[in-house]
Protein backbone atom coordinates (compact mmCIF):
# COMPACT_ATOMS: atom_id res chain seq x y z
CA MET A 1 -19.03 -19.03 -9.51
CA ASP A 2 -16.19 -18.83 -11.64
CA ARG A 3 -12.50 -20.72 -10.91
CA LEU A 4 -10.86 -17.69 -9.66
CA SER A 5 -13.83 -16.90 -7.31
CA GLU A 6 -13.71 -20.54 -6.07
CA ILE A 7 -9.96 -20.45 -5.35
CA ARG A 8 -10.18 -17.14 -3.60
CA ALA A 9 -12.85 -18.27 -1.46
CA ARG A 10 -11.08 -21.74 -0.95
CA TYR A 11 -7.71 -20.14 0.13
CA THR A 12 -8.06 -16.85 1.11
CA PRO A 13 -8.42 -16.70 5.45
CA GLY A 14 -10.71 -14.22 6.81
CA ASN A 15 -9.85 -10.94 5.17
CA SER A 16 -6.82 -11.38 3.68
CA GLN A 17 -6.04 -10.21 0.28
CA PHE A 18 -3.53 -12.84 0.01
CA LEU A 19 -4.23 -16.42 -1.25
CA ASP A 20 -2.59 -19.37 1.29
CA VAL A 21 -1.03 -20.29 -1.65
CA GLY A 22 0.75 -23.37 0.63
CA LYS A 23 -2.82 -25.13 0.94
CA CYS A 24 -3.53 -24.57 -3.16
CA THR A 25 -3.41 -27.80 -5.06
CA VAL A 26 -1.09 -27.89 -8.03
CA ASP A 27 -4.03 -27.43 -10.47
CA ASP A 28 -4.90 -24.19 -8.57
CA ILE A 29 -1.65 -23.09 -8.75
CA SER A 30 -1.35 -23.76 -12.64
CA PHE A 31 -4.72 -22.11 -13.32
CA LEU A 32 -3.67 -18.97 -11.15
CA LEU A 33 -0.05 -18.69 -13.05
CA ALA A 34 -2.14 -19.30 -16.69
CA GLU A 35 -4.40 -16.14 -15.14
CA VAL A 36 -1.27 -13.96 -14.50
CA GLU A 37 0.00 -14.74 -18.19
CA ARG A 38 -3.64 -13.93 -19.31
CA LEU A 39 -3.73 -10.86 -17.39
CA THR A 40 -0.10 -9.74 -18.50
CA ALA A 41 -0.96 -10.36 -22.15
CA LEU A 42 -4.03 -8.24 -21.43
CA ARG A 43 -2.19 -5.33 -19.95
CA ARG A 44 0.37 -5.33 -23.01
CA GLU A 45 -2.16 -4.92 -25.59
CA VAL A 46 -3.80 -2.27 -23.28
CA VAL A 47 -0.60 -0.46 -22.80
CA LYS A 48 -0.01 -1.05 -26.95
CA LEU A 49 -3.20 0.40 -27.33
CA ALA A 50 -2.87 3.47 -25.15
CA GLN A 51 0.53 4.15 -27.33
CA GLU A 52 -1.25 3.72 -30.43
CA SER A 53 -4.16 6.16 -29.16
CA VAL A 54 -1.38 9.00 -28.08
CA ARG A 55 0.21 8.50 -31.57
CA ARG A 56 -3.35 9.24 -33.19
CA ASP A 57 -3.99 12.22 -30.79
CA ILE A 58 -0.27 13.72 -31.91
CA GLU A 59 -1.20 13.11 -35.31
CA LEU A 60 -4.69 14.41 -35.23
CA ALA A 61 -3.39 17.51 -33.31
CA LYS A 62 -0.68 18.35 -35.79
CA LEU A 63 -3.73 18.23 -38.68
CA GLU A 64 -5.67 20.64 -36.34
CA VAL A 65 -2.89 23.01 -36.44
CA GLU A 66 -2.57 22.54 -40.21
CA VAL A 67 -6.02 22.99 -41.22
CA GLN A 68 -6.03 26.71 -38.43
CA ALA A 69 -2.98 27.62 -40.80
CA ALA A 70 -4.60 27.25 -43.89
CA GLN A 71 -8.03 28.52 -43.03
CA ALA A 72 -6.00 31.66 -41.57
CA SER A 73 -3.98 32.06 -44.75
CA ASN A 74 -7.56 31.65 -47.09
CA ARG A 75 -9.72 34.17 -45.09
CA TRP A 76 -10.76 37.32 -46.29
CA ILE A 77 -8.95 40.28 -44.38
CA PRO A 78 -10.73 43.33 -43.72
CA VAL A 79 -8.68 46.16 -44.97
CA GLY A 80 -9.25 47.94 -41.27
CA GLU A 81 -7.10 44.91 -40.10
CA ARG A 82 -4.49 45.32 -42.34
CA LEU A 83 -3.36 45.92 -46.00
CA PRO A 84 -1.32 43.73 -47.71
CA GLU A 85 2.77 44.60 -48.59
CA ARG A 86 3.11 47.09 -51.02
CA GLY A 87 3.44 45.72 -54.54
CA GLU A 88 1.45 42.58 -53.24
CA ARG A 89 -1.02 40.94 -55.61
CA VAL A 90 -3.87 40.23 -53.76
CA ILE A 91 -7.89 39.05 -54.48
CA ALA A 92 -9.69 42.05 -53.26
CA TYR A 93 -13.35 42.47 -52.69
CA SER A 94 -15.42 45.67 -53.03
CA PRO A 95 -19.08 45.20 -52.53
CA ALA A 96 -19.78 47.10 -55.93
CA MET A 97 -17.45 44.68 -57.68
CA GLY A 98 -17.30 41.24 -56.09
CA GLY A 99 -14.09 40.04 -55.88
CA THR A 100 -11.33 40.45 -58.44
CA GLU A 101 -7.26 40.54 -58.55
CA ALA A 102 -5.85 43.95 -57.33
CA GLU A 103 -2.42 45.12 -56.61
CA ILE A 104 -1.85 47.38 -53.45
CA GLN A 105 -0.29 51.09 -53.86
CA ILE A 106 0.28 52.35 -50.47
CA SER A 107 -0.01 55.89 -51.19
CA LYS A 108 -3.22 55.59 -53.47
CA GLY A 109 -4.84 52.90 -51.57
CA PHE A 110 -6.11 49.45 -53.91
CA MET A 111 -5.99 49.90 -57.67
CA LEU A 112 -8.14 47.65 -59.62
CA HIS A 113 -6.77 47.81 -63.42
CA SER A 114 -5.26 51.03 -62.47
CA LYS A 115 -8.69 52.19 -61.17
CA ARG A 116 -9.23 53.34 -57.37
CA THR A 117 -12.04 51.73 -55.71
CA ASP A 118 -13.22 51.06 -52.23
CA ILE A 119 -11.73 47.46 -51.29
CA THR A 120 -13.54 46.23 -47.85
CA HIS A 121 -11.45 42.81 -47.72
CA TRP A 122 -8.34 41.21 -49.53
CA ARG A 123 -6.75 37.92 -49.48
CA PRO A 124 -3.65 36.44 -50.66
CA LEU A 125 -3.42 35.12 -53.90
CA PRO A 126 -3.79 31.44 -54.00
CA GLU A 127 -0.34 29.18 -54.42
CA PRO A 128 -0.18 27.78 -57.94
CA PRO A 129 -0.32 24.31 -59.06
CA LYS A 130 2.20 22.06 -58.40
CA GLY A 131 4.10 20.37 -61.36
CA GLU A 132 3.28 17.07 -61.98
């Protein structure tokens, strides 16, 4: 039996949840106070770890939103879903030609090097590299 169980057995009358501290020895009270300090320190550590976990969860959620936004901006968009803005330069996909740069001309459809073609998907051009 550990020390805490021994103290509990010695000083807890009947089914009570409380110790009869009036009958405890000085050593037992010192032990109990040290135990309270140890548990308080553990509680502080648990709270600190929980706060850190919440901070990390928030950071992870922010990163997941960034990833979803990056994926959405980098996907192939079917022409049936929507077309790019007039004059916007995009990467276009035609099953016959593969991917190539194209410019949308609303009145004429997609133009590839001044030649009309059947485009099924498009996506915005990527951002240019950032200066070093």
